[in-house]
PDB file of all heavy atoms in Angstrom:
ATOM      1  N   ILE A   1      18.194  -6.731 -12.791  1.00  0.00           N
ATOM      2  CA  ILE A   1      18.467  -7.812 -11.843  1.00  0.00           C
ATOM      3  C   ILE A   1      17.285  -8.016 -10.899  1.00  0.00           C
ATOM      4  O   ILE A   1      16.952  -9.136 -10.515  1.00  0.00           O
ATOM      5  CB  ILE A   1      19.765  -7.519 -11.059  1.00  0.00           C
ATOM      6  CG1 ILE A   1      20.961  -7.486 -12.019  1.00  0.00           C
ATOM      7  CG2 ILE A   1      20.009  -8.569  -9.979  1.00  0.00           C
ATOM      8  CD1 ILE A   1      22.229  -6.961 -11.401  1.00  0.00           C
ATOM      9  N   LEU A   2      16.614  -6.919 -10.533  1.00  0.00           N
ATOM     10  CA  LEU A   2      15.415  -7.024  -9.696  1.00  0.00           C
ATOM     11  C   LEU A   2      14.331  -7.837 -10.390  1.00  0.00           C
ATOM     12  O   LEU A   2      13.680  -8.681  -9.768  1.00  0.00           O
ATOM     13  CB  LEU A   2      14.883  -5.637  -9.351  1.00  0.00           C
ATOM     14  CG  LEU A   2      15.502  -4.928  -8.150  1.00  0.00           C
ATOM     15  CD1 LEU A   2      15.031  -3.484  -8.083  1.00  0.00           C
ATOM     16  CD2 LEU A   2      15.158  -5.651  -6.857  1.00  0.00           C
ATOM     17  N   PHE A   3      14.140  -7.596 -11.680  1.00  0.00           N
ATOM     18  CA  PHE A   3      13.159  -8.373 -12.440  1.00  0.00           C
ATOM     19  C   PHE A   3      13.454  -9.865 -12.328  1.00  0.00           C
ATOM     20  O   PHE A   3      12.554 -10.681 -12.106  1.00  0.00           O
ATOM     21  CB  PHE A   3      13.183  -7.952 -13.915  1.00  0.00           C
ATOM     22  CG  PHE A   3      12.186  -6.891 -14.263  1.00  0.00           C
ATOM     23  CD1 PHE A   3      12.342  -5.593 -13.799  1.00  0.00           C
ATOM     24  CD2 PHE A   3      11.094  -7.180 -15.047  1.00  0.00           C
ATOM     25  CE1 PHE A   3      11.435  -4.604 -14.117  1.00  0.00           C
ATOM     26  CE2 PHE A   3      10.172  -6.193 -15.378  1.00  0.00           C
ATOM     27  CZ  PHE A   3      10.336  -4.901 -14.912  1.00  0.00           C
ATOM     28  N   GLU A   4      14.721 -10.228 -12.514  1.00  0.00           N
ATOM     29  CA  GLU A   4      15.112 -11.640 -12.470  1.00  0.00           C
ATOM     30  C   GLU A   4      14.781 -12.266 -11.124  1.00  0.00           C
ATOM     31  O   GLU A   4      14.180 -13.343 -11.036  1.00  0.00           O
ATOM     32  CB  GLU A   4      16.607 -11.776 -12.758  1.00  0.00           C
ATOM     33  CG  GLU A   4      17.017 -11.332 -14.163  1.00  0.00           C
ATOM     34  CD  GLU A   4      18.521 -11.300 -14.332  1.00  0.00           C
ATOM     35  OE1 GLU A   4      19.238 -11.671 -13.372  1.00  0.00           O
ATOM     36  OE2 GLU A   4      18.998 -10.907 -15.415  1.00  0.00           O
ATOM     37  N   HIS A   5      15.176 -11.583 -10.053  1.00  0.00           N
ATOM     38  CA  HIS A   5      15.031 -12.176  -8.725  1.00  0.00           C
ATOM     39  C   HIS A   5      13.608 -12.075  -8.186  1.00  0.00           C
ATOM     40  O   HIS A   5      13.192 -12.904  -7.369  1.00  0.00           O
ATOM     41  CB  HIS A   5      16.036 -11.546  -7.750  1.00  0.00           C
ATOM     42  CG  HIS A   5      17.460 -11.922  -8.060  1.00  0.00           C
ATOM     43  ND1 HIS A   5      17.848 -13.222  -8.244  1.00  0.00           N
ATOM     44  CD2 HIS A   5      18.571 -11.173  -8.228  1.00  0.00           C
ATOM     45  CE1 HIS A   5      19.141 -13.259  -8.510  1.00  0.00           C
ATOM     46  NE2 HIS A   5      19.603 -12.023  -8.507  1.00  0.00           N
ATOM     47  N   ILE A   6      12.859 -11.072  -8.607  1.00  0.00           N
ATOM     48  CA  ILE A   6      11.449 -11.012  -8.218  1.00  0.00           C
ATOM     49  C   ILE A   6      10.704 -12.201  -8.801  1.00  0.00           C
ATOM     50  O   ILE A   6       9.894 -12.847  -8.123  1.00  0.00           O
ATOM     51  CB  ILE A   6      10.822  -9.674  -8.652  1.00  0.00           C
ATOM     52  CG1 ILE A   6      11.285  -8.559  -7.703  1.00  0.00           C
ATOM     53  CG2 ILE A   6       9.293  -9.759  -8.675  1.00  0.00           C
ATOM     54  CD1 ILE A   6      10.918  -7.171  -8.149  1.00  0.00           C
ATOM     55  N   TYR A   7      10.986 -12.524 -10.044  1.00  0.00           N
ATOM     56  CA  TYR A   7      10.367 -13.708 -10.651  1.00  0.00           C
ATOM     57  C   TYR A   7      10.733 -14.967  -9.854  1.00  0.00           C
ATOM     58  O   TYR A   7       9.877 -15.803  -9.547  1.00  0.00           O
ATOM     59  CB  TYR A   7      10.826 -13.847 -12.102  1.00  0.00           C
ATOM     60  CG  TYR A   7      10.184 -15.009 -12.831  1.00  0.00           C
ATOM     61  CD1 TYR A   7       8.993 -14.844 -13.524  1.00  0.00           C
ATOM     62  CD2 TYR A   7      10.767 -16.281 -12.807  1.00  0.00           C
ATOM     63  CE1 TYR A   7       8.391 -15.909 -14.183  1.00  0.00           C
ATOM     64  CE2 TYR A   7      10.178 -17.342 -13.456  1.00  0.00           C
ATOM     65  CZ  TYR A   7       8.997 -17.163 -14.143  1.00  0.00           C
ATOM     66  OH  TYR A   7       8.410 -18.215 -14.778  1.00  0.00           O
ATOM     67  N   GLU A   8      12.015 -15.096  -9.500  1.00  0.00           N
ATOM     68  CA  GLU A   8      12.467 -16.268  -8.740  1.00  0.00           C
ATOM     69  C   GLU A   8      11.787 -16.344  -7.373  1.00  0.00           C
ATOM     70  O   GLU A   8      11.412 -17.426  -6.914  1.00  0.00           O
ATOM     71  CB  GLU A   8      13.983 -16.228  -8.567  1.00  0.00           C
ATOM     72  CG  GLU A   8      14.761 -16.424  -9.854  1.00  0.00           C
ATOM     73  CD  GLU A   8      16.250 -16.224  -9.660  1.00  0.00           C
ATOM     74  OE1 GLU A   8      16.694 -16.148  -8.495  1.00  0.00           O
ATOM     75  OE2 GLU A   8      16.974 -16.141 -10.667  1.00  0.00           O
ATOM     76  N   ALA A   9      11.641 -15.195  -6.695  1.00  0.00           N
ATOM     77  CA  ALA A   9      11.021 -15.181  -5.365  1.00  0.00           C
ATOM     78  C   ALA A   9       9.552 -15.577  -5.429  1.00  0.00           C
ATOM     79  O   ALA A   9       9.042 -16.286  -4.547  1.00  0.00           O
ATOM     80  CB  ALA A   9      11.170 -13.801  -4.735  1.00  0.00           C
ATOM     81  N   ILE A  10       8.854 -15.119  -6.477  1.00  0.00           N
ATOM     82  CA  ILE A  10       7.444 -15.482  -6.644  1.00  0.00           C
ATOM     83  C   ILE A  10       7.307 -16.985  -6.853  1.00  0.00           C
ATOM     84  O   ILE A  10       6.471 -17.650  -6.233  1.00  0.00           O
ATOM     85  CB  ILE A  10       6.830 -14.695  -7.825  1.00  0.00           C
ATOM     86  CG1 ILE A  10       6.755 -13.201  -7.505  1.00  0.00           C
ATOM     87  CG2 ILE A  10       5.438 -15.225  -8.155  1.00  0.00           C
ATOM     88  CD1 ILE A  10       6.410 -12.332  -8.703  1.00  0.00           C
ATOM     89  N   VAL A  11       8.131 -17.528  -7.748  1.00  0.00           N
ATOM     90  CA  VAL A  11       8.101 -18.966  -8.002  1.00  0.00           C
ATOM     91  C   VAL A  11       8.512 -19.744  -6.751  1.00  0.00           C
ATOM     92  O   VAL A  11       7.949 -20.800  -6.440  1.00  0.00           O
ATOM     93  CB  VAL A  11       9.024 -19.323  -9.192  1.00  0.00           C
ATOM     94  CG1 VAL A  11       9.147 -20.826  -9.364  1.00  0.00           C
ATOM     95  CG2 VAL A  11       8.485 -18.694 -10.479  1.00  0.00           C
ATOM     96  N   ASP A  12       9.468 -19.199  -6.000  1.00  0.00           N
ATOM     97  CA  ASP A  12       9.914 -19.840  -4.766  1.00  0.00           C
ATOM     98  C   ASP A  12       8.777 -19.948  -3.751  1.00  0.00           C
ATOM     99  O   ASP A  12       8.736 -20.877  -2.939  1.00  0.00           O
ATOM    100  CB  ASP A  12      11.091 -19.053  -4.170  1.00  0.00           C
ATOM    101  CG  ASP A  12      11.779 -19.802  -3.043  1.00  0.00           C
ATOM    102  OD1 ASP A  12      12.072 -21.003  -3.212  1.00  0.00           O
ATOM    103  OD2 ASP A  12      12.026 -19.198  -1.985  1.00  0.00           O
ATOM    104  N   ALA A  13       7.850 -18.991  -3.803  1.00  0.00           N
ATOM    105  CA  ALA A  13       6.691 -19.015  -2.901  1.00  0.00           C
ATOM    106  C   ALA A  13       5.592 -19.949  -3.400  1.00  0.00           C
ATOM    107  O   ALA A  13       4.548 -20.089  -2.751  1.00  0.00           O
ATOM    108  CB  ALA A  13       6.131 -17.601  -2.736  1.00  0.00           C
ATOM    109  N   GLY A  14       5.810 -20.572  -4.557  1.00  0.00           N
ATOM    110  CA  GLY A  14       4.832 -21.516  -5.082  1.00  0.00           C
ATOM    111  C   GLY A  14       3.686 -20.866  -5.826  1.00  0.00           C
ATOM    112  O   GLY A  14       2.600 -21.437  -5.926  1.00  0.00           O
ATOM    113  N   ILE A  15       3.916 -19.660  -6.349  1.00  0.00           N
ATOM    114  CA  ILE A  15       2.862 -18.919  -7.032  1.00  0.00           C
ATOM    115  C   ILE A  15       3.292 -18.636  -8.468  1.00  0.00           C
ATOM    116  O   ILE A  15       4.467 -18.357  -8.721  1.00  0.00           O
ATOM    117  CB  ILE A  15       2.562 -17.595  -6.296  1.00  0.00           C
ATOM    118  CG1 ILE A  15       2.100 -17.879  -4.861  1.00  0.00           C
ATOM    119  CG2 ILE A  15       1.505 -16.778  -7.039  1.00  0.00           C
ATOM    120  CD1 ILE A  15       1.928 -16.644  -4.021  1.00  0.00           C
ATOM    121  N   HIS A  16       2.347 -18.710  -9.386  1.00  0.00           N
ATOM    122  CA  HIS A  16       2.641 -18.395 -10.782  1.00  0.00           C
ATOM    123  C   HIS A  16       2.496 -16.891 -10.984  1.00  0.00           C
ATOM    124  O   HIS A  16       1.501 -16.301 -10.557  1.00  0.00           O
ATOM    125  CB  HIS A  16       1.696 -19.142 -11.720  1.00  0.00           C
ATOM    126  CG  HIS A  16       2.198 -19.200 -13.125  1.00  0.00           C
ATOM    127  ND1 HIS A  16       2.180 -18.111 -13.963  1.00  0.00           N
ATOM    128  CD2 HIS A  16       2.751 -20.228 -13.835  1.00  0.00           C
ATOM    129  CE1 HIS A  16       2.701 -18.455 -15.130  1.00  0.00           C
ATOM    130  NE2 HIS A  16       3.041 -19.734 -15.080  1.00  0.00           N
ATOM    131  N   PRO A  17       3.482 -16.244 -11.617  1.00  0.00           N
ATOM    132  CA  PRO A  17       3.419 -14.780 -11.786  1.00  0.00           C
ATOM    133  C   PRO A  17       2.150 -14.282 -12.464  1.00  0.00           C
ATOM    134  O   PRO A  17       1.696 -13.168 -12.189  1.00  0.00           O
ATOM    135  CB  PRO A  17       4.655 -14.484 -12.643  1.00  0.00           C
ATOM    136  CG  PRO A  17       5.612 -15.580 -12.329  1.00  0.00           C
ATOM    137  CD  PRO A  17       4.763 -16.801 -12.098  1.00  0.00           C
ATOM    138  N   THR A  18       1.549 -15.082 -13.352  1.00  0.00           N
ATOM    139  CA  THR A  18       0.326 -14.629 -14.030  1.00  0.00           C
ATOM    140  C   THR A  18      -0.885 -14.600 -13.115  1.00  0.00           C
ATOM    141  O   THR A  18      -1.916 -14.019 -13.465  1.00  0.00           O
ATOM    142  CB  THR A  18       0.021 -15.542 -15.235  1.00  0.00           C
ATOM    143  OG1 THR A  18      -0.111 -16.891 -14.778  1.00  0.00           O
ATOM    144  CG2 THR A  18       1.123 -15.460 -16.279  1.00  0.00           C
ATOM    145  N   ASP A  19      -0.779 -15.201 -11.933  1.00  0.00           N
ATOM    146  CA  ASP A  19      -1.908 -15.208 -10.992  1.00  0.00           C
ATOM    147  C   ASP A  19      -2.053 -13.887 -10.241  1.00  0.00           C
ATOM    148  O   ASP A  19      -2.983 -13.727  -9.455  1.00  0.00           O
ATOM    149  CB  ASP A  19      -1.732 -16.349  -9.975  1.00  0.00           C
ATOM    150  CG  ASP A  19      -1.829 -17.719 -10.635  1.00  0.00           C
ATOM    151  OD1 ASP A  19      -2.377 -17.799 -11.739  1.00  0.00           O
ATOM    152  OD2 ASP A  19      -1.343 -18.699 -10.033  1.00  0.00           O
ATOM    153  N   PHE A  20      -1.139 -12.941 -10.482  1.00  0.00           N
ATOM    154  CA  PHE A  20      -1.151 -11.687  -9.728  1.00  0.00           C
ATOM    155  C   PHE A  20      -2.053 -10.620 -10.320  1.00  0.00           C
ATOM    156  O   PHE A  20      -2.345  -9.627  -9.664  1.00  0.00           O
ATOM    157  CB  PHE A  20       0.270 -11.096  -9.673  1.00  0.00           C
ATOM    158  CG  PHE A  20       1.130 -11.720  -8.631  1.00  0.00           C
ATOM    159  CD1 PHE A  20       2.037 -12.699  -8.964  1.00  0.00           C
ATOM    160  CD2 PHE A  20       1.025 -11.337  -7.316  1.00  0.00           C
ATOM    161  CE1 PHE A  20       2.831 -13.275  -8.006  1.00  0.00           C
ATOM    162  CE2 PHE A  20       1.810 -11.910  -6.345  1.00  0.00           C
ATOM    163  CZ  PHE A  20       2.718 -12.882  -6.689  1.00  0.00           C
ATOM    164  N   CYS A  21      -2.449 -10.782 -11.538  1.00  0.00           N
ATOM    165  CA  CYS A  21      -3.149  -9.711 -12.246  1.00  0.00           C
ATOM    166  C   CYS A  21      -4.349  -9.186 -11.448  1.00  0.00           C
ATOM    167  O   CYS A  21      -5.164  -9.964 -10.954  1.00  0.00           O
ATOM    168  CB  CYS A  21      -3.603 -10.208 -13.614  1.00  0.00           C
ATOM    169  SG  CYS A  21      -4.153  -8.894 -14.704  1.00  0.00           S
ATOM    170  N   GLU A  22      -4.401  -7.856 -11.295  1.00  0.00           N
ATOM    171  CA  GLU A  22      -5.481  -7.154 -10.605  1.00  0.00           C
ATOM    172  C   GLU A  22      -5.482  -7.368  -9.091  1.00  0.00           C
ATOM    173  O   GLU A  22      -6.414  -6.955  -8.412  1.00  0.00           O
ATOM    174  CB  GLU A  22      -6.859  -7.587 -11.169  1.00  0.00           C
ATOM    175  CG  GLU A  22      -7.012  -7.395 -12.660  1.00  0.00           C
ATOM    176  CD  GLU A  22      -7.268  -5.959 -13.046  1.00  0.00           C
ATOM    177  OE1 GLU A  22      -7.971  -5.267 -12.305  1.00  0.00           O
ATOM    178  OE2 GLU A  22      -6.742  -5.532 -14.080  1.00  0.00           O
ATOM    179  N   MET A  23      -4.463  -7.997  -8.550  1.00  0.00           N
ATOM    180  CA  MET A  23      -4.439  -8.258  -7.103  1.00  0.00           C
ATOM    181  C   MET A  23      -3.766  -7.116  -6.351  1.00  0.00           C
ATOM    182  O   MET A  23      -2.926  -6.394  -6.895  1.00  0.00           O
ATOM    183  CB  MET A  23      -3.720  -9.570  -6.794  1.00  0.00           C
ATOM    184  CG  MET A  23      -4.454 -10.804  -7.277  1.00  0.00           C
ATOM    185  SD  MET A  23      -3.924 -12.294  -6.421  1.00  0.00           S
ATOM    186  CE  MET A  23      -4.543 -12.021  -4.775  1.00  0.00           C
ATOM    187  N   ARG A  24      -4.146  -6.956  -5.079  1.00  0.00           N
ATOM    188  CA  ARG A  24      -3.555  -5.928  -4.226  1.00  0.00           C
ATOM    189  C   ARG A  24      -2.189  -6.420  -3.735  1.00  0.00           C
ATOM    190  O   ARG A  24      -2.025  -6.848  -2.600  1.00  0.00           O
ATOM    191  CB  ARG A  24      -4.469  -5.622  -3.036  1.00  0.00           C
ATOM    192  CG  ARG A  24      -5.804  -5.039  -3.401  1.00  0.00           C
ATOM    193  CD  ARG A  24      -6.513  -4.430  -2.189  1.00  0.00           C
ATOM    194  NE  ARG A  24      -6.433  -5.247  -0.997  1.00  0.00           N
ATOM    195  CZ  ARG A  24      -7.272  -6.220  -0.693  1.00  0.00           C
ATOM    196  NH1 ARG A  24      -8.253  -6.530  -1.520  1.00  0.00           N
ATOM    197  NH2 ARG A  24      -7.140  -6.895   0.438  1.00  0.00           N
ATOM    198  N   THR A  25      -1.227  -6.330  -4.616  1.00  0.00           N
ATOM    199  CA  THR A  25       0.141  -6.734  -4.296  1.00  0.00           C
ATOM    200  C   THR A  25       1.014  -5.497  -4.258  1.00  0.00           C
ATOM    201  O   THR A  25       1.102  -4.754  -5.252  1.00  0.00           O
ATOM    202  CB  THR A  25       0.683  -7.724  -5.344  1.00  0.00           C
ATOM    203  OG1 THR A  25      -0.142  -8.885  -5.361  1.00  0.00           O
ATOM    204  CG2 THR A  25       2.113  -8.125  -5.021  1.00  0.00           C
ATOM    205  N   GLY A  26       1.649  -5.240  -3.133  1.00  0.00           N
ATOM    206  CA  GLY A  26       2.535  -4.089  -2.994  1.00  0.00           C
ATOM    207  C   GLY A  26       3.934  -4.415  -3.483  1.00  0.00           C
ATOM    208  O   GLY A  26       4.379  -5.558  -3.419  1.00  0.00           O
ATOM    209  N   VAL A  27       4.616  -3.395  -3.978  1.00  0.00           N
ATOM    210  CA  VAL A  27       6.014  -3.526  -4.400  1.00  0.00           C
ATOM    211  C   VAL A  27       6.799  -2.427  -3.707  1.00  0.00           C
ATOM    212  O   VAL A  27       6.664  -1.246  -4.034  1.00  0.00           O
ATOM    213  CB  VAL A  27       6.164  -3.407  -5.929  1.00  0.00           C
ATOM    214  CG1 VAL A  27       7.635  -3.573  -6.329  1.00  0.00           C
ATOM    215  CG2 VAL A  27       5.302  -4.434  -6.646  1.00  0.00           C
ATOM    216  N   PHE A  28       7.589  -2.811  -2.697  1.00  0.00           N
ATOM    217  CA  PHE A  28       8.351  -1.843  -1.906  1.00  0.00           C
ATOM    218  C   PHE A  28       9.840  -2.085  -2.109  1.00  0.00           C
ATOM    219  O   PHE A  28      10.338  -3.179  -1.870  1.00  0.00           O
ATOM    220  CB  PHE A  28       8.027  -1.975  -0.414  1.00  0.00           C
ATOM    221  CG  PHE A  28       6.569  -1.763  -0.077  1.00  0.00           C
ATOM    222  CD1 PHE A  28       6.026  -2.325   1.063  1.00  0.00           C
ATOM    223  CD2 PHE A  28       5.754  -1.007  -0.890  1.00  0.00           C
ATOM    224  CE1 PHE A  28       4.687  -2.139   1.382  1.00  0.00           C
ATOM    225  CE2 PHE A  28       4.416  -0.811  -0.582  1.00  0.00           C
ATOM    226  CZ  PHE A  28       3.882  -1.375   0.553  1.00  0.00           C
ATOM    227  N   LEU A  29      10.538  -1.051  -2.553  1.00  0.00           N
ATOM    228  CA  LEU A  29      11.974  -1.143  -2.807  1.00  0.00           C
ATOM    229  C   LEU A  29      12.730  -0.231  -1.859  1.00  0.00           C
ATOM    230  O   LEU A  29      12.338   0.917  -1.652  1.00  0.00           O
ATOM    231  CB  LEU A  29      12.271  -0.755  -4.262  1.00  0.00           C
ATOM    232  CG  LEU A  29      13.739  -0.614  -4.671  1.00  0.00           C
ATOM    233  CD1 LEU A  29      14.459  -1.947  -4.563  1.00  0.00           C
ATOM    234  CD2 LEU A  29      13.847  -0.051  -6.084  1.00  0.00           C
ATOM    235  N   GLY A  30      13.802  -0.749  -1.254  1.00  0.00           N
ATOM    236  CA  GLY A  30      14.707   0.063  -0.454  1.00  0.00           C
ATOM    237  C   GLY A  30      15.965   0.312  -1.251  1.00  0.00           C
ATOM    238  O   GLY A  30      16.755  -0.599  -1.488  1.00  0.00           O
ATOM    239  N   SER A  31      16.140   1.548  -1.722  1.00  0.00           N
ATOM    240  CA  SER A  31      17.276   1.861  -2.589  1.00  0.00           C
ATOM    241  C   SER A  31      17.631   3.332  -2.461  1.00  0.00           C
ATOM    242  O   SER A  31      16.755   4.172  -2.246  1.00  0.00           O
ATOM    243  CB  SER A  31      16.934   1.522  -4.040  1.00  0.00           C
ATOM    244  OG  SER A  31      18.006   1.807  -4.887  1.00  0.00           O
TER     245      SER A  31
END
């Protein structure tokens, strides 16, 4: 479910998921 909504959040921000490659993008989960 996280995969699904992470994709939606990225698109919601106006960014294409393939534009992230090699970028300093953090992934922080509270669980």
